[in-house]
């Protein structure tokens, strides 16, 4: 079993549906006009992908540092 799952690590699961209202609110506050839902959904997806890429980068870097030198 994969030891990095949310269940094994005690992490929480945050979905795009959870984040979208906050992203929509932040975008509306940033540009001071109502933002179409499709835009906030796309931005939420981009944020989710960026967060996953960042986590993968940190994990890969940490595992490379802890790997024994060959």
PDB file of N, CA and C in Angstrom:
ATOM      1  N   UNK A   1       0.843  -1.187   0.000  1.00  0.00           N
ATOM      2  CA  UNK A   1       0.000   0.000   0.000  1.00  0.00           C
ATOM      3  C   UNK A   1       0.886   1.248   0.000  1.00  0.00           C
ATOM      4  N   UNK A   2       0.477   2.241  -0.708  1.00  0.00           N
ATOM      5  CA  UNK A   2       1.231   3.489  -0.784  1.00  0.00           C
ATOM      6  C   UNK A   2       1.230   4.179   0.573  1.00  0.00           C
ATOM      7  N   UNK A   3       2.411   4.464   1.105  1.00  0.00           N
ATOM      8  CA  UNK A   3       2.492   5.048   2.440  1.00  0.00           C
ATOM      9  C   UNK A   3       2.298   6.556   2.450  1.00  0.00           C
ATOM     10  N   UNK A   4       2.090   7.165   1.306  1.00  0.00           N
ATOM     11  CA  UNK A   4       1.922   8.617   1.276  1.00  0.00           C
ATOM     12  C   UNK A   4       0.473   9.032   1.051  1.00  0.00           C
ATOM     13  N   UNK A   5      -0.460   8.118   1.228  1.00  0.00           N
ATOM     14  CA  UNK A   5      -1.863   8.477   1.059  1.00  0.00           C
ATOM     15  C   UNK A   5      -2.318   9.331   2.232  1.00  0.00           C
ATOM     16  N   UNK A   6      -3.387  10.070   2.044  1.00  0.00           N
ATOM     17  CA  UNK A   6      -3.899  10.941   3.092  1.00  0.00           C
ATOM     18  C   UNK A   6      -4.294  10.145   4.328  1.00  0.00           C
ATOM     19  N   UNK A   7      -4.780   8.925   4.119  1.00  0.00           N
ATOM     20  CA  UNK A   7      -5.216   8.107   5.235  1.00  0.00           C
ATOM     21  C   UNK A   7      -4.038   7.688   6.107  1.00  0.00           C
ATOM     22  N   UNK A   8      -2.942   7.298   5.486  1.00  0.00           N
ATOM     23  CA  UNK A   8      -1.783   6.838   6.243  1.00  0.00           C
ATOM     24  C   UNK A   8      -1.010   7.969   6.895  1.00  0.00           C
ATOM     25  N   UNK A   9      -0.983   9.115   6.285  1.00  0.00           N
ATOM     26  CA  UNK A   9      -0.196  10.217   6.822  1.00  0.00           C
ATOM     27  C   UNK A   9      -0.993  11.080   7.787  1.00  0.00           C
ATOM     28  N   UNK A  10      -2.293  10.819   7.893  1.00  0.00           N
ATOM     29  CA  UNK A  10      -3.123  11.634   8.779  1.00  0.00           C
ATOM     30  C   UNK A  10      -3.489  12.965   8.154  1.00  0.00           C
ATOM     31  N   UNK A  11      -3.277  13.112   6.854  1.00  0.00           N
ATOM     32  CA  UNK A  11      -3.579  14.365   6.165  1.00  0.00           C
ATOM     33  C   UNK A  11      -5.066  14.544   5.937  1.00  0.00           C
ATOM     34  N   UNK A  12      -5.429  15.689   5.422  1.00  0.00           N
ATOM     35  CA  UNK A  12      -6.821  15.966   5.110  1.00  0.00           C
ATOM     36  C   UNK A  12      -6.985  16.015   3.597  1.00  0.00           C
ATOM     37  N   UNK A  13      -8.192  15.810   3.151  1.00  0.00           N
ATOM     38  CA  UNK A  13      -8.483  15.875   1.725  1.00  0.00           C
ATOM     39  C   UNK A  13      -9.252  17.149   1.436  1.00  0.00           C
ATOM     40  N   UNK A  14      -8.738  17.938   0.525  1.00  0.00           N
ATOM     41  CA  UNK A  14      -9.383  19.174   0.116  1.00  0.00           C
ATOM     42  C   UNK A  14      -9.659  19.053  -1.373  1.00  0.00           C
ATOM     43  N   UNK A  15     -10.913  19.184  -1.742  1.00  0.00           N
ATOM     44  CA  UNK A  15     -11.271  19.044  -3.154  1.00  0.00           C
ATOM     45  C   UNK A  15     -11.395  20.423  -3.802  1.00  0.00           C
ATOM     46  N   UNK A  16     -11.471  20.416  -5.121  1.00  0.00           N
ATOM     47  CA  UNK A  16     -11.669  21.667  -5.843  1.00  0.00           C
ATOM     48  C   UNK A  16     -13.010  22.292  -5.487  1.00  0.00           C
ATOM     49  N   UNK A  17     -14.002  21.450  -5.203  1.00  0.00           N
ATOM     50  CA  UNK A  17     -15.314  21.968  -4.813  1.00  0.00           C
ATOM     51  C   UNK A  17     -15.247  22.692  -3.471  1.00  0.00           C
ATOM     52  N   UNK A  18     -14.318  22.296  -2.632  1.00  0.00           N
ATOM     53  CA  UNK A  18     -14.132  22.965  -1.346  1.00  0.00           C
ATOM     54  C   UNK A  18     -13.432  24.309  -1.524  1.00  0.00           C
ATOM     55  N   UNK A  19     -12.462  24.346  -2.420  1.00  0.00           N
ATOM     56  CA  UNK A  19     -11.659  25.557  -2.611  1.00  0.00           C
ATOM     57  C   UNK A  19     -12.312  26.599  -3.511  1.00  0.00           C
ATOM     58  N   UNK A  20     -13.174  26.180  -4.414  1.00  0.00           N
ATOM     59  CA  UNK A  20     -13.715  27.093  -5.427  1.00  0.00           C
ATOM     60  C   UNK A  20     -14.419  28.316  -4.844  1.00  0.00           C
ATOM     61  N   UNK A  21     -15.242  28.201  -3.812  1.00  0.00           N
ATOM     62  CA  UNK A  21     -15.856  29.420  -3.271  1.00  0.00           C
ATOM     63  C   UNK A  21     -14.831  30.421  -2.722  1.00  0.00           C
ATOM     64  N   UNK A  22     -13.794  29.920  -2.099  1.00  0.00           N
ATOM     65  CA  UNK A  22     -12.754  30.814  -1.579  1.00  0.00           C
ATOM     66  C   UNK A  22     -11.983  31.474  -2.717  1.00  0.00           C
ATOM     67  N   UNK A  23     -11.694  30.718  -3.760  1.00  0.00           N
ATOM     68  CA  UNK A  23     -10.996  31.279  -4.919  1.00  0.00           C
ATOM     69  C   UNK A  23     -11.874  32.309  -5.612  1.00  0.00           C
ATOM     70  N   UNK A  24     -13.152  32.015  -5.751  1.00  0.00           N
ATOM     71  CA  UNK A  24     -14.089  32.954  -6.362  1.00  0.00           C
ATOM     72  C   UNK A  24     -14.146  34.253  -5.567  1.00  0.00           C
ATOM     73  N   UNK A  25     -14.219  34.134  -4.257  1.00  0.00           N
ATOM     74  CA  UNK A  25     -14.243  35.318  -3.393  1.00  0.00           C
ATOM     75  C   UNK A  25     -12.950  36.117  -3.533  1.00  0.00           C
ATOM     76  N   UNK A  26     -11.815  35.427  -3.519  1.00  0.00           N
ATOM     77  CA  UNK A  26     -10.523  36.116  -3.626  1.00  0.00           C
ATOM     78  C   UNK A  26     -10.373  36.821  -4.972  1.00  0.00           C
ATOM     79  N   UNK A  27     -10.802  36.165  -6.043  1.00  0.00           N
ATOM     80  CA  UNK A  27     -10.716  36.801  -7.361  1.00  0.00           C
ATOM     81  C   UNK A  27     -11.624  38.030  -7.445  1.00  0.00           C
ATOM     82  N   UNK A  28     -12.826  37.918  -6.889  1.00  0.00           N
ATOM     83  CA  UNK A  28     -13.742  39.064  -6.898  1.00  0.00           C
ATOM     84  C   UNK A  28     -13.174  40.227  -6.091  1.00  0.00           C
ATOM     85  N   UNK A  29     -12.546  39.916  -4.973  1.00  0.00           N
ATOM     86  CA  UNK A  29     -11.942  40.966  -4.159  1.00  0.00           C
ATOM     87  C   UNK A  29     -10.733  41.577  -4.858  1.00  0.00           C
ATOM     88  N   UNK A  30     -10.022  40.763  -5.616  1.00  0.00           N
ATOM     89  CA  UNK A  30      -8.814  41.231  -6.288  1.00  0.00           C
ATOM     90  C   UNK A  30      -9.123  42.160  -7.461  1.00  0.00           C
ATOM     91  N   UNK A  31     -10.144  41.824  -8.248  1.00  0.00           N
ATOM     92  CA  UNK A  31     -10.440  42.609  -9.442  1.00  0.00           C
ATOM     93  C   UNK A  31     -11.638  43.542  -9.256  1.00  0.00           C
ATOM     94  N   UNK A  32     -12.317  43.454  -8.120  1.00  0.00           N
ATOM     95  CA  UNK A  32     -13.435  44.340  -7.758  1.00  0.00           C
ATOM     96  C   UNK A  32     -14.637  44.255  -8.687  1.00  0.00           C
ATOM     97  N   UNK A  33     -14.774  43.147  -9.391  1.00  0.00           N
ATOM     98  CA  UNK A  33     -15.958  42.882 -10.217  1.00  0.00           C
ATOM     99  C   UNK A  33     -16.297  41.397 -10.077  1.00  0.00           C
ATOM    100  N   UNK A  34     -17.552  41.030 -10.321  1.00  0.00           N
ATOM    101  CA  UNK A  34     -17.885  39.608 -10.270  1.00  0.00           C
ATOM    102  C   UNK A  34     -17.108  38.809 -11.317  1.00  0.00           C
ATOM    103  N   UNK A  35     -16.614  37.669 -10.925  1.00  0.00           N
ATOM    104  CA  UNK A  35     -15.827  36.820 -11.821  1.00  0.00           C
ATOM    105  C   UNK A  35     -16.700  35.640 -12.249  1.00  0.00           C
ATOM    106  N   UNK A  36     -16.733  35.310 -13.548  1.00  0.00           N
ATOM    107  CA  UNK A  36     -17.523  34.151 -13.986  1.00  0.00           C
ATOM    108  C   UNK A  36     -17.074  32.875 -13.278  1.00  0.00           C
ATOM    109  N   UNK A  37     -18.031  31.988 -13.031  1.00  0.00           N
ATOM    110  CA  UNK A  37     -17.714  30.756 -12.309  1.00  0.00           C
ATOM    111  C   UNK A  37     -16.685  29.919 -13.057  1.00  0.00           C
ATOM    112  N   UNK A  38     -16.735  29.935 -14.377  1.00  0.00           N
ATOM    113  CA  UNK A  38     -15.783  29.125 -15.147  1.00  0.00           C
ATOM    114  C   UNK A  38     -14.343  29.580 -14.902  1.00  0.00           C
ATOM    115  N   UNK A  39     -14.144  30.874 -14.723  1.00  0.00           N
ATOM    116  CA  UNK A  39     -12.799  31.393 -14.468  1.00  0.00           C
ATOM    117  C   UNK A  39     -12.315  30.935 -13.095  1.00  0.00           C
ATOM    118  N   UNK A  40     -13.180  31.043 -12.093  1.00  0.00           N
ATOM    119  CA  UNK A  40     -12.752  30.639 -10.754  1.00  0.00           C
ATOM    120  C   UNK A  40     -12.513  29.137 -10.681  1.00  0.00           C
ATOM    121  N   UNK A  41     -13.263  28.346 -11.443  1.00  0.00           N
ATOM    122  CA  UNK A  41     -13.032  26.898 -11.469  1.00  0.00           C
ATOM    123  C   UNK A  41     -11.687  26.593 -12.128  1.00  0.00           C
ATOM    124  N   UNK A  42     -11.361  27.284 -13.211  1.00  0.00           N
ATOM    125  CA  UNK A  42     -10.067  27.080 -13.870  1.00  0.00           C
ATOM    126  C   UNK A  42      -8.911  27.485 -12.965  1.00  0.00           C
ATOM    127  N   UNK A  43      -9.051  28.598 -12.281  1.00  0.00           N
ATOM    128  CA  UNK A  43      -7.992  29.048 -11.370  1.00  0.00           C
ATOM    129  C   UNK A  43      -7.839  28.054 -10.218  1.00  0.00           C
ATOM    130  N   UNK A  44      -8.951  27.526  -9.722  1.00  0.00           N
ATOM    131  CA  UNK A  44      -8.889  26.523  -8.659  1.00  0.00           C
ATOM    132  C   UNK A  44      -8.144  25.284  -9.136  1.00  0.00           C
ATOM    133  N   UNK A  45      -8.414  24.844 -10.350  1.00  0.00           N
ATOM    134  CA  UNK A  45      -7.694  23.700 -10.913  1.00  0.00           C
ATOM    135  C   UNK A  45      -6.209  23.962 -11.056  1.00  0.00           C
ATOM    136  N   UNK A  46      -5.864  25.157 -11.501  1.00  0.00           N
ATOM    137  CA  UNK A  46      -4.447  25.518 -11.624  1.00  0.00           C
ATOM    138  C   UNK A  46      -3.759  25.548 -10.267  1.00  0.00           C
ATOM    139  N   UNK A  47      -4.449  26.093  -9.266  1.00  0.00           N
ATOM    140  CA  UNK A  47      -3.874  26.113  -7.914  1.00  0.00           C
ATOM    141  C   UNK A  47      -3.670  24.698  -7.381  1.00  0.00           C
ATOM    142  N   UNK A  48      -4.664  23.848  -7.599  1.00  0.00           N
ATOM    143  CA  UNK A  48      -4.536  22.458  -7.148  1.00  0.00           C
ATOM    144  C   UNK A  48      -3.377  21.748  -7.825  1.00  0.00           C
ATOM    145  N   UNK A  49      -3.240  21.942  -9.131  1.00  0.00           N
ATOM    146  CA  UNK A  49      -2.134  21.317  -9.864  1.00  0.00           C
ATOM    147  C   UNK A  49      -0.790  21.855  -9.389  1.00  0.00           C
ATOM    148  N   UNK A  50      -0.718  23.162  -9.132  1.00  0.00           N
ATOM    149  CA  UNK A  50       0.536  23.754  -8.656  1.00  0.00           C
ATOM    150  C   UNK A  50       0.902  23.237  -7.266  1.00  0.00           C
ATOM    151  N   UNK A  51      -0.087  23.085  -6.413  1.00  0.00           N
ATOM    152  CA  UNK A  51       0.180  22.563  -5.066  1.00  0.00           C
ATOM    153  C   UNK A  51       0.675  21.125  -5.149  1.00  0.00           C
ATOM    154  N   UNK A  52       0.028  20.302  -5.990  1.00  0.00           N
ATOM    155  CA  UNK A  52       0.470  18.918  -6.152  1.00  0.00           C
ATOM    156  C   UNK A  52       1.889  18.858  -6.717  1.00  0.00           C
ATOM    157  N   UNK A  53       2.193  19.693  -7.690  1.00  0.00           N
ATOM    158  CA  UNK A  53       3.538  19.717  -8.271  1.00  0.00           C
ATOM    159  C   UNK A  53       4.567  20.128  -7.226  1.00  0.00           C
ATOM    160  N   UNK A  54       4.217  21.094  -6.391  1.00  0.00           N
ATOM    161  CA  UNK A  54       5.126  21.521  -5.326  1.00  0.00           C
ATOM    162  C   UNK A  54       5.375  20.427  -4.312  1.00  0.00           C
ATOM    163  N   UNK A  55       4.326  19.725  -3.931  1.00  0.00           N
ATOM    164  CA  UNK A  55       4.474  18.618  -2.973  1.00  0.00           C
ATOM    165  C   UNK A  55       5.349  17.523  -3.571  1.00  0.00           C
ATOM    166  N   UNK A  56       5.109  17.171  -4.829  1.00  0.00           N
ATOM    167  CA  UNK A  56       5.921  16.149  -5.485  1.00  0.00           C
ATOM    168  C   UNK A  56       7.381  16.576  -5.575  1.00  0.00           C
ATOM    169  N   UNK A  57       7.628  17.836  -5.880  1.00  0.00           N
ATOM    170  CA  UNK A  57       8.991  18.340  -5.966  1.00  0.00           C
ATOM    171  C   UNK A  57       9.702  18.217  -4.624  1.00  0.00           C
ATOM    172  N   UNK A  58       9.028  18.620  -3.562  1.00  0.00           N
ATOM    173  CA  UNK A  58       9.632  18.554  -2.226  1.00  0.00           C
ATOM    174  C   UNK A  58       9.887  17.103  -1.822  1.00  0.00           C
ATOM    175  N   UNK A  59       8.932  16.216  -2.105  1.00  0.00           N
ATOM    176  CA  UNK A  59       9.114  14.798  -1.766  1.00  0.00           C
ATOM    177  C   UNK A  59      10.280  14.191  -2.539  1.00  0.00           C
ATOM    178  N   UNK A  60      10.357  14.486  -3.823  1.00  0.00           N
ATOM    179  CA  UNK A  60      11.445  13.940  -4.636  1.00  0.00           C
ATOM    180  C   UNK A  60      12.793  14.477  -4.184  1.00  0.00           C
ATOM    181  N   UNK A  61      12.836  15.723  -3.844  1.00  0.00           N
ATOM    182  CA  UNK A  61      14.099  16.314  -3.388  1.00  0.00           C
ATOM    183  C   UNK A  61      14.529  15.726  -2.049  1.00  0.00           C
ATOM    184  N   UNK A  62      13.559  15.540  -1.146  1.00  0.00           N
ATOM    185  CA  UNK A  62      13.876  14.957   0.154  1.00  0.00           C
ATOM    186  C   UNK A  62      14.329  13.511   0.008  1.00  0.00           C
ATOM    187  N   UNK A  63      13.689  12.747  -0.881  1.00  0.00           N
ATOM    188  CA  UNK A  63      14.102  11.354  -1.055  1.00  0.00           C
ATOM    189  C   UNK A  63      15.458  11.253  -1.739  1.00  0.00           C
ATOM    190  N   UNK A  64      15.777  12.199  -2.595  1.00  0.00           N
ATOM    191  CA  UNK A  64      17.099  12.195  -3.249  1.00  0.00           C
ATOM    192  C   UNK A  64      18.195  12.508  -2.250  1.00  0.00           C
ATOM    193  N   UNK A  65      17.910  13.385  -1.290  1.00  0.00           N
ATOM    194  CA  UNK A  65      18.918  13.721  -0.289  1.00  0.00           C
ATOM    195  C   UNK A  65      19.117  12.579   0.701  1.00  0.00           C
ATOM    196  N   UNK A  66      18.053  11.814   0.978  1.00  0.00           N
ATOM    197  CA  UNK A  66      18.174  10.744   1.944  1.00  0.00           C
ATOM    198  C   UNK A  66      18.652   9.433   1.335  1.00  0.00           C
ATOM    199  N   UNK A  67      18.719   9.359   0.008  1.00  0.00           N
ATOM    200  CA  UNK A  67      19.178   8.140  -0.658  1.00  0.00           C
ATOM    201  C   UNK A  67      20.688   8.013  -0.483  1.00  0.00           C
ATOM    202  N   UNK A  68      21.147   6.803  -0.253  1.00  0.00           N
ATOM    203  CA  UNK A  68      22.610   6.614  -0.101  1.00  0.00           C
ATOM    204  C   UNK A  68      23.342   6.864  -1.424  1.00  0.00           C
ATOM    205  N   UNK A  69      24.514   7.427  -1.317  1.00  0.00           N
ATOM    206  CA  UNK A  69      25.314   7.719  -2.519  1.00  0.00           C
ATOM    207  C   UNK A  69      25.805   6.415  -3.112  1.00  0.00           C
ATOM    208  N   UNK A  70      25.722   6.313  -4.431  1.00  0.00           N
ATOM    209  CA  UNK A  70      26.137   5.053  -5.088  1.00  0.00           C
ATOM    210  C   UNK A  70      27.549   5.115  -5.560  1.00  0.00           C
TER     211      UNK A  70
END
